[in-house]
């Protein structure tokens, strides 16, 4: 017989509850792209249309372990987000700003259409 989550949670010790809470927070803080997309209730087709790609290309992006920063940025923006890259060190974290204007630099260099 399946057990009710609320029953299990209330019977757990405070230490066990703290461990469960930490695990849930980590799952929420770290997700693969496809899970993030699903959590935002978006389809691959929706992302593809926003990015100007075919749906199979979005699937490829979601399954790659190595993507261009510009591709990742476009994917995140297609979900309505903003990509930030942060370098974490033992003595603190630093936002890497080198990639902030990737799309804007490319647009500035493109010749104007007349």
PDB file of N, CA and C in Angstrom:
ATOM      1  N   UNK A   1       0.835  -1.175   0.000  1.00  0.00           N
ATOM      2  CA  UNK A   1       0.000   0.000   0.000  1.00  0.00           C
ATOM      3  C   UNK A   1       0.888   1.249   0.000  1.00  0.00           C
ATOM      4  N   UNK A   2       0.552   2.215  -0.814  1.00  0.00           N
ATOM      5  CA  UNK A   2       1.303   3.458  -0.889  1.00  0.00           C
ATOM      6  C   UNK A   2       1.083   4.272   0.371  1.00  0.00           C
ATOM      7  N   UNK A   3       2.133   4.978   0.781  1.00  0.00           N
ATOM      8  CA  UNK A   3       2.034   5.804   1.981  1.00  0.00           C
ATOM      9  C   UNK A   3       1.873   7.267   1.595  1.00  0.00           C
ATOM     10  N   UNK A   4       1.128   7.968   2.391  1.00  0.00           N
ATOM     11  CA  UNK A   4       0.898   9.380   2.200  1.00  0.00           C
ATOM     12  C   UNK A   4       2.163  10.145   2.573  1.00  0.00           C
ATOM     13  N   UNK A   5       2.616  11.050   1.689  1.00  0.00           N
ATOM     14  CA  UNK A   5       3.838  11.809   1.929  1.00  0.00           C
ATOM     15  C   UNK A   5       3.747  12.624   3.219  1.00  0.00           C
ATOM     16  N   UNK A   6       2.592  13.220   3.506  1.00  0.00           N
ATOM     17  CA  UNK A   6       2.444  14.027   4.718  1.00  0.00           C
ATOM     18  C   UNK A   6       2.639  13.184   5.973  1.00  0.00           C
ATOM     19  N   UNK A   7       2.139  11.934   5.944  1.00  0.00           N
ATOM     20  CA  UNK A   7       2.322  11.042   7.089  1.00  0.00           C
ATOM     21  C   UNK A   7       3.801  10.734   7.302  1.00  0.00           C
ATOM     22  N   UNK A   8       4.477  10.418   6.214  1.00  0.00           N
ATOM     23  CA  UNK A   8       5.903  10.089   6.302  1.00  0.00           C
ATOM     24  C   UNK A   8       6.684  11.299   6.808  1.00  0.00           C
ATOM     25  N   UNK A   9       6.385  12.455   6.270  1.00  0.00           N
ATOM     26  CA  UNK A   9       7.099  13.677   6.640  1.00  0.00           C
ATOM     27  C   UNK A   9       6.922  13.990   8.124  1.00  0.00           C
ATOM     28  N   UNK A  10       5.695  13.874   8.625  1.00  0.00           N
ATOM     29  CA  UNK A  10       5.437  14.210  10.020  1.00  0.00           C
ATOM     30  C   UNK A  10       6.025  13.185  10.990  1.00  0.00           C
ATOM     31  N   UNK A  11       6.201  11.948  10.548  1.00  0.00           N
ATOM     32  CA  UNK A  11       6.783  10.919  11.406  1.00  0.00           C
ATOM     33  C   UNK A  11       8.311  10.983  11.423  1.00  0.00           C
ATOM     34  N   UNK A  12       8.895  11.686  10.465  1.00  0.00           N
ATOM     35  CA  UNK A  12      10.355  11.763  10.370  1.00  0.00           C
ATOM     36  C   UNK A  12      10.919  12.642  11.487  1.00  0.00           C
ATOM     37  N   UNK A  13      12.144  12.318  11.882  1.00  0.00           N
ATOM     38  CA  UNK A  13      12.821  13.115  12.904  1.00  0.00           C
ATOM     39  C   UNK A  13      13.180  14.484  12.318  1.00  0.00           C
ATOM     40  N   UNK A  14      13.447  15.456  13.163  1.00  0.00           N
ATOM     41  CA  UNK A  14      13.865  16.769  12.657  1.00  0.00           C
ATOM     42  C   UNK A  14      15.123  16.675  11.776  1.00  0.00           C
ATOM     43  N   UNK A  15      16.036  15.777  12.124  1.00  0.00           N
ATOM     44  CA  UNK A  15      17.255  15.596  11.334  1.00  0.00           C
ATOM     45  C   UNK A  15      16.912  15.043   9.941  1.00  0.00           C
ATOM     46  N   UNK A  16      16.015  14.062   9.892  1.00  0.00           N
ATOM     47  CA  UNK A  16      15.612  13.476   8.612  1.00  0.00           C
ATOM     48  C   UNK A  16      14.880  14.508   7.764  1.00  0.00           C
ATOM     49  N   UNK A  17      14.046  15.335   8.412  1.00  0.00           N
ATOM     50  CA  UNK A  17      13.348  16.386   7.676  1.00  0.00           C
ATOM     51  C   UNK A  17      14.329  17.395   7.082  1.00  0.00           C
ATOM     52  N   UNK A  18      15.370  17.715   7.836  1.00  0.00           N
ATOM     53  CA  UNK A  18      16.385  18.653   7.341  1.00  0.00           C
ATOM     54  C   UNK A  18      17.112  18.075   6.130  1.00  0.00           C
ATOM     55  N   UNK A  19      17.422  16.782   6.171  1.00  0.00           N
ATOM     56  CA  UNK A  19      18.077  16.123   5.036  1.00  0.00           C
ATOM     57  C   UNK A  19      17.155  16.146   3.817  1.00  0.00           C
ATOM     58  N   UNK A  20      15.876  15.823   4.025  1.00  0.00           N
ATOM     59  CA  UNK A  20      14.908  15.845   2.915  1.00  0.00           C
ATOM     60  C   UNK A  20      14.795  17.244   2.320  1.00  0.00           C
ATOM     61  N   UNK A  21      14.732  18.260   3.172  1.00  0.00           N
ATOM     62  CA  UNK A  21      14.604  19.635   2.708  1.00  0.00           C
ATOM     63  C   UNK A  21      15.833  20.036   1.890  1.00  0.00           C
ATOM     64  N   UNK A  22      17.013  19.639   2.335  1.00  0.00           N
ATOM     65  CA  UNK A  22      18.253  19.955   1.612  1.00  0.00           C
ATOM     66  C   UNK A  22      18.277  19.275   0.246  1.00  0.00           C
ATOM     67  N   UNK A  23      17.823  18.024   0.193  1.00  0.00           N
ATOM     68  CA  UNK A  23      17.783  17.296  -1.087  1.00  0.00           C
ATOM     69  C   UNK A  23      16.812  17.949  -2.067  1.00  0.00           C
ATOM     70  N   UNK A  24      15.650  18.348  -1.576  1.00  0.00           N
ATOM     71  CA  UNK A  24      14.663  19.011  -2.428  1.00  0.00           C
ATOM     72  C   UNK A  24      15.230  20.333  -2.946  1.00  0.00           C
ATOM     73  N   UNK A  25      15.880  21.094  -2.082  1.00  0.00           N
ATOM     74  CA  UNK A  25      16.470  22.373  -2.496  1.00  0.00           C
ATOM     75  C   UNK A  25      17.525  22.166  -3.569  1.00  0.00           C
ATOM     76  N   UNK A  26      18.340  21.113  -3.429  1.00  0.00           N
ATOM     77  CA  UNK A  26      19.378  20.847  -4.428  1.00  0.00           C
ATOM     78  C   UNK A  26      18.751  20.469  -5.763  1.00  0.00           C
ATOM     79  N   UNK A  27      17.696  19.668  -5.744  1.00  0.00           N
ATOM     80  CA  UNK A  27      17.017  19.283  -6.983  1.00  0.00           C
ATOM     81  C   UNK A  27      16.450  20.516  -7.674  1.00  0.00           C
ATOM     82  N   UNK A  28      15.905  21.443  -6.895  1.00  0.00           N
ATOM     83  CA  UNK A  28      15.342  22.662  -7.463  1.00  0.00           C
ATOM     84  C   UNK A  28      16.450  23.582  -7.982  1.00  0.00           C
ATOM     85  N   UNK A  29      17.590  23.627  -7.288  1.00  0.00           N
ATOM     86  CA  UNK A  29      18.697  24.504  -7.678  1.00  0.00           C
ATOM     87  C   UNK A  29      19.481  23.993  -8.871  1.00  0.00           C
ATOM     88  N   UNK A  30      19.461  22.699  -9.123  1.00  0.00           N
ATOM     89  CA  UNK A  30      20.247  22.111 -10.197  1.00  0.00           C
ATOM     90  C   UNK A  30      19.360  21.214 -11.044  1.00  0.00           C
ATOM     91  N   UNK A  31      19.230  21.534 -12.339  1.00  0.00           N
ATOM     92  CA  UNK A  31      18.410  20.727 -13.243  1.00  0.00           C
ATOM     93  C   UNK A  31      19.043  20.677 -14.619  1.00  0.00           C
ATOM     94  N   UNK A  32      18.916  19.553 -15.284  1.00  0.00           N
ATOM     95  CA  UNK A  32      19.291  19.518 -16.702  1.00  0.00           C
ATOM     96  C   UNK A  32      18.315  20.399 -17.495  1.00  0.00           C
ATOM     97  N   UNK A  33      18.746  20.817 -18.670  1.00  0.00           N
ATOM     98  CA  UNK A  33      17.927  21.723 -19.482  1.00  0.00           C
ATOM     99  C   UNK A  33      16.524  21.203 -19.736  1.00  0.00           C
ATOM    100  N   UNK A  34      16.394  19.917 -20.109  1.00  0.00           N
ATOM    101  CA  UNK A  34      15.061  19.417 -20.434  1.00  0.00           C
ATOM    102  C   UNK A  34      14.142  19.419 -19.215  1.00  0.00           C
ATOM    103  N   UNK A  35      14.686  19.165 -18.033  1.00  0.00           N
ATOM    104  CA  UNK A  35      13.851  19.211 -16.827  1.00  0.00           C
ATOM    105  C   UNK A  35      13.455  20.650 -16.508  1.00  0.00           C
ATOM    106  N   UNK A  36      14.380  21.576 -16.727  1.00  0.00           N
ATOM    107  CA  UNK A  36      14.070  22.990 -16.520  1.00  0.00           C
ATOM    108  C   UNK A  36      12.955  23.432 -17.457  1.00  0.00           C
ATOM    109  N   UNK A  37      13.059  23.012 -18.718  1.00  0.00           N
ATOM    110  CA  UNK A  37      12.020  23.355 -19.703  1.00  0.00           C
ATOM    111  C   UNK A  37      10.673  22.778 -19.278  1.00  0.00           C
ATOM    112  N   UNK A  38      10.677  21.514 -18.873  1.00  0.00           N
ATOM    113  CA  UNK A  38       9.419  20.869 -18.444  1.00  0.00           C
ATOM    114  C   UNK A  38       8.842  21.544 -17.203  1.00  0.00           C
ATOM    115  N   UNK A  39       9.728  21.917 -16.263  1.00  0.00           N
ATOM    116  CA  UNK A  39       9.266  22.581 -15.040  1.00  0.00           C
ATOM    117  C   UNK A  39       8.612  23.918 -15.365  1.00  0.00           C
ATOM    118  N   UNK A  40       9.034  24.536 -16.444  1.00  0.00           N
ATOM    119  CA  UNK A  40       8.444  25.801 -16.867  1.00  0.00           C
ATOM    120  C   UNK A  40       7.257  25.584 -17.789  1.00  0.00           C
ATOM    121  N   UNK A  41       6.885  24.317 -17.980  1.00  0.00           N
ATOM    122  CA  UNK A  41       5.738  23.909 -18.795  1.00  0.00           C
ATOM    123  C   UNK A  41       5.844  24.414 -20.242  1.00  0.00           C
ATOM    124  N   UNK A  42       7.028  24.209 -20.815  1.00  0.00           N
ATOM    125  CA  UNK A  42       7.259  24.589 -22.200  1.00  0.00           C
ATOM    126  C   UNK A  42       7.605  23.347 -23.011  1.00  0.00           C
ATOM    127  N   UNK A  43       7.217  23.339 -24.268  1.00  0.00           N
ATOM    128  CA  UNK A  43       7.534  22.206 -25.144  1.00  0.00           C
ATOM    129  C   UNK A  43       8.801  22.520 -25.943  1.00  0.00           C
ATOM    130  N   UNK A  44       9.399  21.475 -26.490  1.00  0.00           N
ATOM    131  CA  UNK A  44      10.545  21.665 -27.373  1.00  0.00           C
ATOM    132  C   UNK A  44      10.134  22.481 -28.591  1.00  0.00           C
ATOM    133  N   UNK A  45       8.927  22.288 -29.069  1.00  0.00           N
ATOM    134  CA  UNK A  45       8.434  23.030 -30.235  1.00  0.00           C
ATOM    135  C   UNK A  45       8.363  24.524 -29.917  1.00  0.00           C
ATOM    136  N   UNK A  46       7.874  24.862 -28.743  1.00  0.00           N
ATOM    137  CA  UNK A  46       7.788  26.266 -28.334  1.00  0.00           C
ATOM    138  C   UNK A  46       9.179  26.892 -28.282  1.00  0.00           C
ATOM    139  N   UNK A  47      10.117  26.185 -27.671  1.00  0.00           N
ATOM    140  CA  UNK A  47      11.496  26.689 -27.582  1.00  0.00           C
ATOM    141  C   UNK A  47      12.082  26.823 -28.983  1.00  0.00           C
ATOM    142  N   UNK A  48      11.861  25.817 -29.818  1.00  0.00           N
ATOM    143  CA  UNK A  48      12.385  25.837 -31.186  1.00  0.00           C
ATOM    144  C   UNK A  48      11.840  27.036 -31.957  1.00  0.00           C
ATOM    145  N   UNK A  49      10.543  27.282 -31.865  1.00  0.00           N
ATOM    146  CA  UNK A  49       9.933  28.413 -32.575  1.00  0.00           C
ATOM    147  C   UNK A  49      10.529  29.735 -32.105  1.00  0.00           C
ATOM    148  N   UNK A  50      10.730  29.878 -30.821  1.00  0.00           N
ATOM    149  CA  UNK A  50      11.288  31.105 -30.268  1.00  0.00           C
ATOM    150  C   UNK A  50      12.736  31.297 -30.710  1.00  0.00           C
ATOM    151  N   UNK A  51      13.496  30.192 -30.781  1.00  0.00           N
ATOM    152  CA  UNK A  51      14.906  30.269 -31.169  1.00  0.00           C
ATOM    153  C   UNK A  51      15.094  30.293 -32.684  1.00  0.00           C
ATOM    154  N   UNK A  52      14.031  30.026 -33.427  1.00  0.00           N
ATOM    155  CA  UNK A  52      14.144  29.967 -34.884  1.00  0.00           C
ATOM    156  C   UNK A  52      14.826  28.693 -35.355  1.00  0.00           C
ATOM    157  N   UNK A  53      14.591  27.603 -34.636  1.00  0.00           N
ATOM    158  CA  UNK A  53      15.181  26.298 -34.954  1.00  0.00           C
ATOM    159  C   UNK A  53      14.080  25.275 -35.196  1.00  0.00           C
ATOM    160  N   UNK A  54      14.485  24.108 -35.661  1.00  0.00           N
ATOM    161  CA  UNK A  54      13.579  22.963 -35.753  1.00  0.00           C
ATOM    162  C   UNK A  54      13.597  22.236 -34.406  1.00  0.00           C
ATOM    163  N   UNK A  55      12.499  21.579 -34.076  1.00  0.00           N
ATOM    164  CA  UNK A  55      12.386  20.866 -32.795  1.00  0.00           C
ATOM    165  C   UNK A  55      13.522  19.881 -32.557  1.00  0.00           C
ATOM    166  N   UNK A  56      13.976  19.104 -33.565  1.00  0.00           N
ATOM    167  CA  UNK A  56      15.083  18.171 -33.302  1.00  0.00           C
ATOM    168  C   UNK A  56      16.373  18.866 -32.836  1.00  0.00           C
ATOM    169  N   UNK A  57      16.568  20.118 -33.249  1.00  0.00           N
ATOM    170  CA  UNK A  57      17.755  20.861 -32.811  1.00  0.00           C
ATOM    171  C   UNK A  57      17.680  21.166 -31.314  1.00  0.00           C
ATOM    172  N   UNK A  58      16.484  21.459 -30.830  1.00  0.00           N
ATOM    173  CA  UNK A  58      16.304  21.704 -29.391  1.00  0.00           C
ATOM    174  C   UNK A  58      16.595  20.422 -28.614  1.00  0.00           C
ATOM    175  N   UNK A  59      16.134  19.289 -29.130  1.00  0.00           N
ATOM    176  CA  UNK A  59      16.420  18.008 -28.488  1.00  0.00           C
ATOM    177  C   UNK A  59      17.931  17.773 -28.412  1.00  0.00           C
ATOM    178  N   UNK A  60      18.635  18.095 -29.475  1.00  0.00           N
ATOM    179  CA  UNK A  60      20.099  17.932 -29.482  1.00  0.00           C
ATOM    180  C   UNK A  60      20.754  18.818 -28.429  1.00  0.00           C
ATOM    181  N   UNK A  61      20.294  20.065 -28.332  1.00  0.00           N
ATOM    182  CA  UNK A  61      20.845  20.981 -27.322  1.00  0.00           C
ATOM    183  C   UNK A  61      20.647  20.402 -25.929  1.00  0.00           C
ATOM    184  N   UNK A  62      19.456  19.868 -25.671  1.00  0.00           N
ATOM    185  CA  UNK A  62      19.140  19.342 -24.342  1.00  0.00           C
ATOM    186  C   UNK A  62      19.959  18.111 -23.982  1.00  0.00           C
ATOM    187  N   UNK A  63      20.452  17.389 -24.970  1.00  0.00           N
ATOM    188  CA  UNK A  63      21.184  16.150 -24.683  1.00  0.00           C
ATOM    189  C   UNK A  63      22.699  16.288 -24.793  1.00  0.00           C
ATOM    190  N   UNK A  64      23.175  17.451 -25.235  1.00  0.00           N
ATOM    191  CA  UNK A  64      24.620  17.676 -25.326  1.00  0.00           C
ATOM    192  C   UNK A  64      25.198  17.950 -23.950  1.00  0.00           C
ATOM    193  N   UNK A  65      26.460  17.580 -23.787  1.00  0.00           N
ATOM    194  CA  UNK A  65      27.168  17.922 -22.553  1.00  0.00           C
ATOM    195  C   UNK A  65      28.035  19.154 -22.751  1.00  0.00           C
ATOM    196  N   UNK A  66      28.139  19.631 -23.996  1.00  0.00           N
ATOM    197  CA  UNK A  66      28.974  20.789 -24.294  1.00  0.00           C
ATOM    198  C   UNK A  66      28.259  21.632 -25.354  1.00  0.00           C
ATOM    199  N   UNK A  67      27.890  22.861 -25.005  1.00  0.00           N
ATOM    200  CA  UNK A  67      27.222  23.752 -25.956  1.00  0.00           C
ATOM    201  C   UNK A  67      27.900  25.116 -25.927  1.00  0.00           C
ATOM    202  N   UNK A  68      27.748  25.866 -27.014  1.00  0.00           N
ATOM    203  CA  UNK A  68      28.248  27.232 -27.039  1.00  0.00           C
ATOM    204  C   UNK A  68      27.493  28.064 -26.010  1.00  0.00           C
ATOM    205  N   UNK A  69      28.180  29.027 -25.435  1.00  0.00           N
ATOM    206  CA  UNK A  69      27.538  29.930 -24.482  1.00  0.00           C
ATOM    207  C   UNK A  69      26.387  30.670 -25.167  1.00  0.00           C
ATOM    208  N   UNK A  70      26.579  31.080 -26.419  1.00  0.00           N
ATOM    209  CA  UNK A  70      25.525  31.807 -27.137  1.00  0.00           C
ATOM    210  C   UNK A  70      24.284  30.939 -27.345  1.00  0.00           C
ATOM    211  N   UNK A  71      24.478  29.639 -27.577  1.00  0.00           N
ATOM    212  CA  UNK A  71      23.344  28.723 -27.749  1.00  0.00           C
ATOM    213  C   UNK A  71      22.601  28.554 -26.429  1.00  0.00           C
ATOM    214  N   UNK A  72      23.353  28.374 -25.358  1.00  0.00           N
ATOM    215  CA  UNK A  72      22.745  28.236 -24.034  1.00  0.00           C
ATOM    216  C   UNK A  72      21.996  29.511 -23.660  1.00  0.00           C
ATOM    217  N   UNK A  73      22.584  30.638 -23.963  1.00  0.00           N
ATOM    218  CA  UNK A  73      21.931  31.919 -23.678  1.00  0.00           C
ATOM    219  C   UNK A  73      20.606  32.026 -24.434  1.00  0.00           C
ATOM    220  N   UNK A  74      20.614  31.683 -25.721  1.00  0.00           N
ATOM    221  CA  UNK A  74      19.386  31.743 -26.523  1.00  0.00           C
ATOM    222  C   UNK A  74      18.322  30.798 -25.974  1.00  0.00           C
ATOM    223  N   UNK A  75      18.732  29.611 -25.559  1.00  0.00           N
ATOM    224  CA  UNK A  75      17.811  28.621 -25.008  1.00  0.00           C
ATOM    225  C   UNK A  75      17.151  29.179 -23.743  1.00  0.00           C
ATOM    226  N   UNK A  76      17.958  29.715 -22.847  1.00  0.00           N
ATOM    227  CA  UNK A  76      17.432  30.259 -21.591  1.00  0.00           C
ATOM    228  C   UNK A  76      16.514  31.448 -21.867  1.00  0.00           C
ATOM    229  N   UNK A  77      16.904  32.307 -22.798  1.00  0.00           N
ATOM    230  CA  UNK A  77      16.057  33.449 -23.144  1.00  0.00           C
ATOM    231  C   UNK A  77      14.746  33.005 -23.774  1.00  0.00           C
ATOM    232  N   UNK A  78      14.763  31.902 -24.529  1.00  0.00           N
ATOM    233  CA  UNK A  78      13.535  31.371 -25.124  1.00  0.00           C
ATOM    234  C   UNK A  78      12.553  30.906 -24.048  1.00  0.00           C
ATOM    235  N   UNK A  79      13.060  30.593 -22.864  1.00  0.00           N
ATOM    236  CA  UNK A  79      12.202  30.212 -21.747  1.00  0.00           C
ATOM    237  C   UNK A  79      11.789  31.423 -20.923  1.00  0.00           C
ATOM    238  N   UNK A  80      12.272  32.605 -21.322  1.00  0.00           N
ATOM    239  CA  UNK A  80      11.921  33.820 -20.596  1.00  0.00           C
ATOM    240  C   UNK A  80      12.928  34.178 -19.515  1.00  0.00           C
ATOM    241  N   UNK A  81      14.093  33.524 -19.520  1.00  0.00           N
ATOM    242  CA  UNK A  81      15.100  33.775 -18.496  1.00  0.00           C
ATOM    243  C   UNK A  81      16.277  34.580 -19.010  1.00  0.00           C
ATOM    244  N   UNK A  82      17.255  34.718 -18.150  1.00  0.00           N
ATOM    245  CA  UNK A  82      18.480  35.433 -18.463  1.00  0.00           C
ATOM    246  C   UNK A  82      19.637  34.581 -17.961  1.00  0.00           C
ATOM    247  N   UNK A  83      20.626  34.344 -18.809  1.00  0.00           N
ATOM    248  CA  UNK A  83      21.765  33.510 -18.441  1.00  0.00           C
ATOM    249  C   UNK A  83      22.826  34.342 -17.743  1.00  0.00           C
ATOM    250  N   UNK A  84      23.288  33.856 -16.603  1.00  0.00           N
ATOM    251  CA  UNK A  84      24.420  34.437 -15.892  1.00  0.00           C
ATOM    252  C   UNK A  84      25.432  33.330 -15.667  1.00  0.00           C
ATOM    253  N   UNK A  85      26.696  33.638 -15.870  1.00  0.00           N
ATOM    254  CA  UNK A  85      27.751  32.668 -15.611  1.00  0.00           C
ATOM    255  C   UNK A  85      28.513  33.152 -14.394  1.00  0.00           C
ATOM    256  N   UNK A  86      28.604  32.280 -13.387  1.00  0.00           N
ATOM    257  CA  UNK A  86      29.241  32.630 -12.133  1.00  0.00           C
ATOM    258  C   UNK A  86      30.372  31.643 -11.855  1.00  0.00           C
ATOM    259  N   UNK A  87      31.545  32.187 -11.537  1.00  0.00           N
ATOM    260  CA  UNK A  87      32.687  31.366 -11.134  1.00  0.00           C
ATOM    261  C   UNK A  87      32.718  31.353  -9.606  1.00  0.00           C
ATOM    262  N   UNK A  88      32.685  30.154  -9.013  1.00  0.00           N
ATOM    263  CA  UNK A  88      32.680  30.032  -7.554  1.00  0.00           C
ATOM    264  C   UNK A  88      34.049  29.566  -7.070  1.00  0.00           C
ATOM    265  N   UNK A  89      34.566  30.255  -6.078  1.00  0.00           N
ATOM    266  CA  UNK A  89      35.853  29.944  -5.472  1.00  0.00           C
ATOM    267  C   UNK A  89      35.659  29.781  -3.979  1.00  0.00           C
ATOM    268  N   UNK A  90      36.622  29.156  -3.292  1.00  0.00           N
ATOM    269  CA  UNK A  90      36.473  29.006  -1.839  1.00  0.00           C
ATOM    270  C   UNK A  90      36.276  30.337  -1.114  1.00  0.00           C
ATOM    271  N   UNK A  91      36.831  31.412  -1.657  1.00  0.00           N
ATOM    272  CA  UNK A  91      36.717  32.702  -0.976  1.00  0.00           C
ATOM    273  C   UNK A  91      35.625  33.605  -1.544  1.00  0.00           C
ATOM    274  N   UNK A  92      34.796  33.070  -2.449  1.00  0.00           N
ATOM    275  CA  UNK A  92      33.690  33.869  -2.955  1.00  0.00           C
ATOM    276  C   UNK A  92      33.336  33.546  -4.393  1.00  0.00           C
ATOM    277  N   UNK A  93      32.318  34.219  -4.903  1.00  0.00           N
ATOM    278  CA  UNK A  93      31.834  34.000  -6.272  1.00  0.00           C
ATOM    279  C   UNK A  93      31.961  35.286  -7.063  1.00  0.00           C
ATOM    280  N   UNK A  94      32.188  35.120  -8.379  1.00  0.00           N
ATOM    281  CA  UNK A  94      32.327  36.259  -9.271  1.00  0.00           C
ATOM    282  C   UNK A  94      31.480  36.014 -10.509  1.00  0.00           C
ATOM    283  N   UNK A  95      30.657  36.997 -10.872  1.00  0.00           N
ATOM    284  CA  UNK A  95      29.886  36.905 -12.113  1.00  0.00           C
ATOM    285  C   UNK A  95      30.826  37.195 -13.273  1.00  0.00           C
ATOM    286  N   UNK A  96      30.884  36.279 -14.228  1.00  0.00           N
ATOM    287  CA  UNK A  96      31.735  36.452 -15.400  1.00  0.00           C
ATOM    288  C   UNK A  96      30.958  37.294 -16.406  1.00  0.00           C
ATOM    289  N   UNK A  97      31.496  38.463 -16.740  1.00  0.00           N
ATOM    290  CA  UNK A  97      30.765  39.392 -17.598  1.00  0.00           C
ATOM    291  C   UNK A  97      31.187  39.319 -19.059  1.00  0.00           C
ATOM    292  N   UNK A  98      32.199  38.543 -19.367  1.00  0.00           N
ATOM    293  CA  UNK A  98      32.714  38.448 -20.739  1.00  0.00           C
ATOM    294  C   UNK A  98      31.639  38.044 -21.736  1.00  0.00           C
ATOM    295  N   UNK A  99      30.670  37.241 -21.308  1.00  0.00           N
ATOM    296  CA  UNK A  99      29.667  36.695 -22.221  1.00  0.00           C
ATOM    297  C   UNK A  99      28.366  37.482 -22.212  1.00  0.00           C
ATOM    298  N   UNK A 100      28.310  38.566 -21.486  1.00  0.00           N
ATOM    299  CA  UNK A 100      27.074  39.329 -21.330  1.00  0.00           C
ATOM    300  C   UNK A 100      26.532  39.856 -22.640  1.00  0.00           C
ATOM    301  N   UNK A 101      27.402  40.348 -23.508  1.00  0.00           N
ATOM    302  CA  UNK A 101      26.954  41.026 -24.723  1.00  0.00           C
ATOM    303  C   UNK A 101      27.195  40.211 -25.990  1.00  0.00           C
ATOM    304  N   UNK A 102      27.178  38.898 -25.899  1.00  0.00           N
ATOM    305  CA  UNK A 102      27.480  38.060 -27.059  1.00  0.00           C
ATOM    306  C   UNK A 102      26.579  38.403 -28.242  1.00  0.00           C
ATOM    307  N   UNK A 103      25.282  38.366 -28.072  1.00  0.00           N
ATOM    308  CA  UNK A 103      24.350  38.627 -29.166  1.00  0.00           C
ATOM    309  C   UNK A 103      24.421  40.065 -29.643  1.00  0.00           C
ATOM    310  N   UNK A 104      24.600  41.003 -28.717  1.00  0.00           N
ATOM    311  CA  UNK A 104      24.653  42.408 -29.080  1.00  0.00           C
ATOM    312  C   UNK A 104      25.886  42.720 -29.909  1.00  0.00           C
ATOM    313  N   UNK A 105      27.058  42.144 -29.575  1.00  0.00           N
ATOM    314  CA  UNK A 105      28.276  42.369 -30.347  1.00  0.00           C
ATOM    315  C   UNK A 105      28.112  41.865 -31.764  1.00  0.00           C
ATOM    316  N   UNK A 106      27.472  40.697 -31.921  1.00  0.00           N
ATOM    317  CA  UNK A 106      27.267  40.129 -33.248  1.00  0.00           C
ATOM    318  C   UNK A 106      26.356  41.020 -34.080  1.00  0.00           C
ATOM    319  N   UNK A 107      25.338  41.598 -33.461  1.00  0.00           N
ATOM    320  CA  UNK A 107      24.413  42.478 -34.162  1.00  0.00           C
ATOM    321  C   UNK A 107      25.117  43.769 -34.600  1.00  0.00           C
ATOM    322  N   UNK A 108      26.008  44.291 -33.750  1.00  0.00           N
ATOM    323  CA  UNK A 108      26.720  45.521 -34.075  1.00  0.00           C
ATOM    324  C   UNK A 108      27.668  45.322 -35.252  1.00  0.00           C
ATOM    325  N   UNK A 109      28.261  44.120 -35.366  1.00  0.00           N
ATOM    326  CA  UNK A 109      29.204  43.855 -36.438  1.00  0.00           C
ATOM    327  C   UNK A 109      28.520  43.523 -37.762  1.00  0.00           C
ATOM    328  N   UNK A 110      27.262  43.131 -37.702  1.00  0.00           N
ATOM    329  CA  UNK A 110      26.539  42.757 -38.924  1.00  0.00           C
ATOM    330  C   UNK A 110      26.308  43.990 -39.785  1.00  0.00           C
ATOM    331  N   UNK A 111      26.489  43.847 -41.109  1.00  0.00           N
ATOM    332  CA  UNK A 111      26.242  45.004 -41.990  1.00  0.00           C
ATOM    333  C   UNK A 111      24.761  45.338 -42.008  1.00  0.00           C
ATOM    334  N   UNK A 112      24.489  46.622 -42.129  1.00  0.00           N
ATOM    335  CA  UNK A 112      23.098  47.077 -42.182  1.00  0.00           C
ATOM    336  C   UNK A 112      22.479  46.698 -43.520  1.00  0.00           C
ATOM    337  N   UNK A 113      21.228  46.262 -43.484  1.00  0.00           N
ATOM    338  CA  UNK A 113      20.506  45.920 -44.697  1.00  0.00           C
ATOM    339  C   UNK A 113      19.809  47.174 -45.228  1.00  0.00           C
ATOM    340  N   UNK A 114      19.940  47.402 -46.522  1.00  0.00           N
ATOM    341  CA  UNK A 114      19.287  48.572 -47.097  1.00  0.00           C
ATOM    342  C   UNK A 114      18.190  48.165 -48.042  1.00  0.00           C
TER     343      UNK A 114
END
